[in-house]
N, C-alpha and C. Protein backbone atom coordinates (compact mmCIF):
# COMPACT_ATOMS: atom_id res chain seq x y z
N UNK A 1 -29.84 -8.94 -55.97
CA UNK A 1 -28.43 -9.18 -56.14
C UNK A 1 -28.01 -10.21 -55.09
N UNK A 2 -27.48 -11.34 -55.53
CA UNK A 2 -27.09 -12.41 -54.65
C UNK A 2 -25.58 -12.58 -54.69
N UNK A 3 -25.00 -12.95 -53.55
CA UNK A 3 -23.58 -13.22 -53.45
C UNK A 3 -23.38 -14.55 -52.76
N UNK A 4 -22.32 -15.24 -53.14
CA UNK A 4 -21.92 -16.44 -52.44
C UNK A 4 -20.78 -16.07 -51.50
N UNK A 5 -20.86 -16.54 -50.26
CA UNK A 5 -19.82 -16.28 -49.28
C UNK A 5 -19.01 -17.56 -49.11
N UNK A 6 -17.73 -17.46 -49.36
CA UNK A 6 -16.85 -18.62 -49.21
C UNK A 6 -15.94 -18.36 -48.00
N UNK A 7 -16.02 -19.26 -47.02
CA UNK A 7 -15.29 -19.10 -45.76
C UNK A 7 -14.39 -20.32 -45.58
N UNK A 8 -13.10 -20.07 -45.32
CA UNK A 8 -12.18 -21.17 -45.06
C UNK A 8 -12.46 -21.77 -43.69
N UNK A 9 -12.09 -23.02 -43.54
CA UNK A 9 -12.35 -23.73 -42.29
C UNK A 9 -11.59 -23.10 -41.12
N UNK A 10 -10.36 -22.64 -41.34
CA UNK A 10 -9.59 -22.07 -40.25
C UNK A 10 -10.19 -20.76 -39.75
N UNK A 11 -10.95 -20.07 -40.58
CA UNK A 11 -11.63 -18.85 -40.14
C UNK A 11 -12.73 -19.21 -39.14
N UNK A 12 -13.46 -20.27 -39.40
CA UNK A 12 -14.51 -20.71 -38.49
C UNK A 12 -13.90 -21.12 -37.15
N UNK A 13 -12.77 -21.83 -37.18
CA UNK A 13 -12.11 -22.22 -35.94
C UNK A 13 -11.61 -21.00 -35.17
N UNK A 14 -11.09 -20.01 -35.88
CA UNK A 14 -10.61 -18.80 -35.23
C UNK A 14 -11.76 -18.06 -34.54
N UNK A 15 -12.89 -17.97 -35.19
CA UNK A 15 -14.06 -17.31 -34.61
C UNK A 15 -14.56 -18.08 -33.40
N UNK A 16 -14.64 -19.41 -33.51
CA UNK A 16 -15.08 -20.22 -32.37
C UNK A 16 -14.14 -20.06 -31.19
N UNK A 17 -12.85 -20.09 -31.43
CA UNK A 17 -11.87 -19.89 -30.37
C UNK A 17 -12.02 -18.50 -29.75
N UNK A 18 -12.24 -17.49 -30.57
CA UNK A 18 -12.42 -16.13 -30.07
C UNK A 18 -13.67 -16.00 -29.21
N UNK A 19 -14.75 -16.67 -29.59
CA UNK A 19 -15.99 -16.62 -28.80
C UNK A 19 -15.79 -17.32 -27.45
N UNK A 20 -15.15 -18.48 -27.47
CA UNK A 20 -14.92 -19.22 -26.23
C UNK A 20 -14.02 -18.43 -25.29
N UNK A 21 -12.93 -17.90 -25.80
CA UNK A 21 -12.03 -17.11 -24.97
C UNK A 21 -12.73 -15.84 -24.50
N UNK A 22 -13.57 -15.25 -25.31
CA UNK A 22 -14.33 -14.07 -24.91
C UNK A 22 -15.29 -14.36 -23.77
N UNK A 23 -15.95 -15.53 -23.82
CA UNK A 23 -16.85 -15.92 -22.74
C UNK A 23 -16.08 -16.12 -21.44
N UNK A 24 -14.92 -16.79 -21.53
CA UNK A 24 -14.09 -16.99 -20.35
C UNK A 24 -13.62 -15.65 -19.78
N UNK A 25 -13.22 -14.73 -20.66
CA UNK A 25 -12.78 -13.41 -20.20
C UNK A 25 -13.93 -12.65 -19.55
N UNK A 26 -15.11 -12.72 -20.12
CA UNK A 26 -16.26 -12.02 -19.56
C UNK A 26 -16.63 -12.58 -18.18
N UNK A 27 -16.58 -13.92 -18.04
CA UNK A 27 -16.85 -14.53 -16.74
C UNK A 27 -15.81 -14.08 -15.72
N UNK A 28 -14.55 -14.01 -16.12
CA UNK A 28 -13.50 -13.56 -15.20
C UNK A 28 -13.67 -12.10 -14.82
N UNK A 29 -14.06 -11.27 -15.75
CA UNK A 29 -14.23 -9.84 -15.45
C UNK A 29 -15.40 -9.64 -14.50
N UNK A 30 -16.52 -10.33 -14.77
CA UNK A 30 -17.71 -10.13 -13.95
C UNK A 30 -17.67 -10.92 -12.64
N UNK A 31 -17.04 -12.09 -12.64
CA UNK A 31 -17.09 -12.96 -11.47
C UNK A 31 -15.98 -12.77 -10.47
N UNK A 32 -14.89 -12.19 -10.87
CA UNK A 32 -13.75 -12.02 -9.96
C UNK A 32 -13.58 -10.55 -9.64
N UNK A 33 -12.87 -10.33 -8.58
CA UNK A 33 -12.58 -8.97 -8.15
C UNK A 33 -11.22 -8.55 -8.73
N UNK A 34 -11.22 -8.20 -10.02
CA UNK A 34 -9.98 -7.81 -10.69
C UNK A 34 -9.79 -6.30 -10.59
N UNK A 35 -8.54 -5.90 -10.70
CA UNK A 35 -8.26 -4.46 -10.69
C UNK A 35 -8.63 -3.88 -12.05
N UNK A 36 -8.67 -2.57 -12.10
CA UNK A 36 -9.02 -1.90 -13.35
C UNK A 36 -7.97 -2.17 -14.43
N UNK A 37 -6.72 -2.25 -14.04
CA UNK A 37 -5.65 -2.52 -15.00
C UNK A 37 -5.78 -3.93 -15.57
N UNK A 38 -6.16 -4.90 -14.73
CA UNK A 38 -6.33 -6.26 -15.22
C UNK A 38 -7.53 -6.35 -16.17
N UNK A 39 -8.61 -5.62 -15.84
CA UNK A 39 -9.76 -5.59 -16.75
C UNK A 39 -9.37 -5.03 -18.11
N UNK A 40 -8.63 -3.94 -18.10
CA UNK A 40 -8.19 -3.32 -19.37
C UNK A 40 -7.25 -4.25 -20.15
N UNK A 41 -6.39 -4.98 -19.44
CA UNK A 41 -5.47 -5.91 -20.11
C UNK A 41 -6.25 -7.04 -20.78
N UNK A 42 -7.25 -7.60 -20.09
CA UNK A 42 -8.06 -8.67 -20.67
C UNK A 42 -8.82 -8.16 -21.89
N UNK A 43 -9.41 -6.99 -21.79
CA UNK A 43 -10.15 -6.41 -22.93
C UNK A 43 -9.21 -6.09 -24.09
N UNK A 44 -7.99 -5.62 -23.79
CA UNK A 44 -7.02 -5.32 -24.84
C UNK A 44 -6.61 -6.60 -25.58
N UNK A 45 -6.37 -7.68 -24.83
CA UNK A 45 -5.98 -8.95 -25.47
C UNK A 45 -7.13 -9.49 -26.34
N UNK A 46 -8.37 -9.37 -25.85
CA UNK A 46 -9.51 -9.82 -26.65
C UNK A 46 -9.68 -9.00 -27.92
N UNK A 47 -9.56 -7.68 -27.80
CA UNK A 47 -9.68 -6.82 -28.98
C UNK A 47 -8.54 -7.09 -29.96
N UNK A 48 -7.34 -7.33 -29.42
CA UNK A 48 -6.19 -7.64 -30.27
C UNK A 48 -6.41 -8.94 -31.03
N UNK A 49 -7.01 -9.94 -30.37
CA UNK A 49 -7.31 -11.22 -31.03
C UNK A 49 -8.27 -11.00 -32.21
N UNK A 50 -9.33 -10.22 -32.02
CA UNK A 50 -10.30 -9.99 -33.09
C UNK A 50 -9.70 -9.15 -34.22
N UNK A 51 -8.91 -8.15 -33.87
CA UNK A 51 -8.27 -7.33 -34.92
C UNK A 51 -7.26 -8.15 -35.70
N UNK A 52 -6.44 -8.95 -35.00
CA UNK A 52 -5.46 -9.80 -35.68
C UNK A 52 -6.17 -10.81 -36.57
N UNK A 53 -7.28 -11.38 -36.08
CA UNK A 53 -8.04 -12.32 -36.89
C UNK A 53 -8.59 -11.67 -38.15
N UNK A 54 -9.09 -10.44 -38.03
CA UNK A 54 -9.59 -9.72 -39.20
C UNK A 54 -8.51 -9.43 -40.22
N UNK A 55 -7.33 -9.03 -39.75
CA UNK A 55 -6.22 -8.73 -40.66
C UNK A 55 -5.74 -10.00 -41.35
N UNK A 56 -5.62 -11.08 -40.60
CA UNK A 56 -5.16 -12.34 -41.19
C UNK A 56 -6.17 -12.85 -42.21
N UNK A 57 -7.48 -12.76 -41.89
CA UNK A 57 -8.50 -13.20 -42.84
C UNK A 57 -8.47 -12.35 -44.11
N UNK A 58 -8.27 -11.07 -43.96
CA UNK A 58 -8.18 -10.19 -45.13
C UNK A 58 -6.94 -10.50 -45.94
N UNK A 59 -5.79 -10.72 -45.28
CA UNK A 59 -4.53 -10.94 -45.99
C UNK A 59 -4.54 -12.26 -46.76
N UNK A 60 -5.12 -13.29 -46.18
CA UNK A 60 -5.12 -14.60 -46.82
C UNK A 60 -6.43 -14.90 -47.53
N UNK A 61 -7.28 -13.90 -47.68
CA UNK A 61 -8.58 -14.05 -48.33
C UNK A 61 -9.35 -15.23 -47.74
N UNK A 62 -9.46 -15.22 -46.41
CA UNK A 62 -10.17 -16.29 -45.71
C UNK A 62 -11.66 -16.25 -45.97
N UNK A 63 -12.20 -15.05 -46.22
CA UNK A 63 -13.62 -14.89 -46.52
C UNK A 63 -13.72 -14.13 -47.84
N UNK A 64 -14.45 -14.72 -48.79
CA UNK A 64 -14.62 -14.07 -50.09
C UNK A 64 -16.09 -13.97 -50.43
N UNK A 65 -16.47 -12.84 -50.98
CA UNK A 65 -17.82 -12.63 -51.48
C UNK A 65 -17.75 -12.67 -53.00
N UNK A 66 -18.46 -13.63 -53.59
CA UNK A 66 -18.42 -13.80 -55.04
C UNK A 66 -19.83 -13.75 -55.60
N UNK A 67 -19.95 -13.20 -56.78
CA UNK A 67 -21.23 -13.26 -57.48
C UNK A 67 -21.40 -14.66 -58.05
N UNK A 68 -22.57 -15.25 -57.92
CA UNK A 68 -22.75 -16.59 -58.48
C UNK A 68 -22.67 -16.53 -60.00
N UNK A 69 -22.25 -17.63 -60.60
CA UNK A 69 -22.17 -17.64 -62.07
C UNK A 69 -23.56 -17.45 -62.68
N UNK A 70 -23.60 -16.61 -63.68
CA UNK A 70 -24.89 -16.33 -64.33
C UNK A 70 -25.25 -17.46 -65.27
N UNK A 71 -26.49 -17.86 -65.19
CA UNK A 71 -26.97 -18.90 -66.09
C UNK A 71 -27.71 -18.24 -67.24
N UNK A 72 -27.62 -18.88 -68.38
CA UNK A 72 -28.33 -18.35 -69.54
C UNK A 72 -29.82 -18.60 -69.37
N UNK A 73 -30.61 -17.70 -69.90
CA UNK A 73 -32.05 -17.88 -69.85
C UNK A 73 -32.44 -19.02 -70.78
N UNK A 74 -33.42 -19.80 -70.40
CA UNK A 74 -33.82 -20.91 -71.28
C UNK A 74 -34.34 -20.37 -72.61
N UNK A 75 -33.95 -21.02 -73.66
CA UNK A 75 -34.33 -20.57 -75.01
C UNK A 75 -35.71 -21.06 -75.40
N UNK A 76 -36.21 -22.04 -74.70
CA UNK A 76 -37.48 -22.62 -75.08
C UNK A 76 -38.45 -22.53 -73.90
N UNK A 77 -39.69 -22.60 -74.22
CA UNK A 77 -40.68 -22.55 -73.16
C UNK A 77 -40.74 -23.91 -72.46
N UNK A 78 -41.47 -23.97 -71.36
CA UNK A 78 -41.56 -25.22 -70.60
C UNK A 78 -42.23 -26.32 -71.42
N UNK A 79 -43.22 -25.94 -72.21
CA UNK A 79 -43.92 -26.95 -73.01
C UNK A 79 -43.00 -27.52 -74.09
N UNK A 80 -42.22 -26.66 -74.71
CA UNK A 80 -41.28 -27.14 -75.72
C UNK A 80 -40.23 -28.05 -75.08
N UNK A 81 -39.78 -27.70 -73.89
CA UNK A 81 -38.79 -28.53 -73.21
C UNK A 81 -39.39 -29.88 -72.84
N UNK A 82 -40.66 -29.89 -72.41
CA UNK A 82 -41.30 -31.14 -72.05
C UNK A 82 -41.42 -32.05 -73.26
N UNK A 83 -41.82 -31.51 -74.41
CA UNK A 83 -41.93 -32.33 -75.61
C UNK A 83 -40.55 -32.78 -76.09
N UNK A 84 -39.56 -31.96 -75.89
CA UNK A 84 -38.22 -32.34 -76.31
C UNK A 84 -37.71 -33.52 -75.48
N UNK A 85 -38.05 -33.56 -74.21
CA UNK A 85 -37.57 -34.63 -73.34
C UNK A 85 -38.41 -35.89 -73.49
N UNK A 86 -39.70 -35.76 -73.81
CA UNK A 86 -40.58 -36.92 -73.83
C UNK A 86 -41.04 -37.25 -75.25
N UNK A 87 -40.16 -37.32 -76.16
CA UNK A 87 -40.51 -37.62 -77.54
C UNK A 87 -40.56 -39.12 -77.72
N UNK A 88 -41.62 -39.61 -78.37
CA UNK A 88 -41.77 -41.03 -78.68
C UNK A 88 -42.22 -41.16 -80.12
N UNK A 89 -41.75 -42.21 -80.75
CA UNK A 89 -42.21 -42.50 -82.11
C UNK A 89 -43.64 -43.02 -82.04
N UNK A 90 -44.38 -42.87 -83.14
CA UNK A 90 -45.77 -43.33 -83.17
C UNK A 90 -45.86 -44.83 -82.99
N UNK A 91 -44.85 -45.56 -83.40
CA UNK A 91 -44.90 -47.02 -83.27
C UNK A 91 -44.77 -47.46 -81.82
N UNK A 92 -44.37 -46.59 -80.91
CA UNK A 92 -44.30 -46.95 -79.50
C UNK A 92 -45.67 -47.18 -78.90
N UNK A 93 -46.72 -46.64 -79.50
CA UNK A 93 -48.06 -46.73 -78.95
C UNK A 93 -48.91 -47.78 -79.67
N UNK A 94 -48.32 -48.61 -80.47
CA UNK A 94 -49.04 -49.66 -81.19
C UNK A 94 -48.43 -51.00 -80.80
N UNK A 95 -49.29 -51.96 -80.45
CA UNK A 95 -48.81 -53.31 -80.13
C UNK A 95 -48.36 -53.99 -81.41
N UNK A 96 -47.31 -54.72 -81.36
CA UNK A 96 -46.91 -55.43 -82.57
C UNK A 96 -47.88 -56.58 -82.86
N UNK A 97 -48.09 -56.84 -84.10
CA UNK A 97 -48.93 -57.98 -84.48
C UNK A 97 -50.34 -57.57 -84.84
N UNK A 98 -51.23 -57.37 -83.90
CA UNK A 98 -52.64 -57.16 -84.21
C UNK A 98 -53.01 -55.69 -84.22
N UNK A 99 -52.12 -54.78 -84.13
CA UNK A 99 -52.31 -53.34 -84.24
C UNK A 99 -53.26 -52.80 -83.16
N UNK A 100 -53.20 -53.36 -81.94
CA UNK A 100 -53.98 -52.82 -80.85
C UNK A 100 -53.23 -51.63 -80.26
N UNK A 101 -53.97 -50.64 -79.85
CA UNK A 101 -53.36 -49.42 -79.34
C UNK A 101 -53.30 -49.44 -77.81
N UNK A 102 -52.25 -48.82 -77.27
CA UNK A 102 -52.13 -48.67 -75.82
C UNK A 102 -53.00 -47.53 -75.32
N UNK A 103 -53.14 -46.48 -76.12
CA UNK A 103 -53.91 -45.32 -75.73
C UNK A 103 -55.32 -45.42 -76.35
N UNK A 104 -56.32 -44.83 -75.70
CA UNK A 104 -57.67 -44.87 -76.29
C UNK A 104 -57.72 -44.09 -77.60
N UNK A 105 -58.64 -44.45 -78.52
CA UNK A 105 -58.70 -43.73 -79.80
C UNK A 105 -59.23 -42.32 -79.59
N UNK A 106 -58.79 -41.43 -80.46
CA UNK A 106 -59.29 -40.05 -80.42
C UNK A 106 -60.58 -39.93 -81.21
N UNK A 107 -61.51 -39.14 -80.73
CA UNK A 107 -62.78 -38.97 -81.44
C UNK A 107 -62.87 -37.60 -82.01
């Protein structure tokens, strides 16, 4: 079972922005001497950004999973299709004038 995923461009930008801001927040939490309240505030803002992004994507159908269009099965075999595409009249293999053949004679 295959699905096509269609993602709007603004969803990709939102995710990239969220990752960048998350990296900055993580560096600030680990690298600075912040209080516990400041750590919780930074984590709350980051979680709020991801939750808001999920709600907005759901509301505006930013990401859609679709089944690909089904193709009909070929009605003919590969050999029949090859002959259908490469059909030539018998006169294509005979030189005009002296009746010389392009292909070798069959025995």
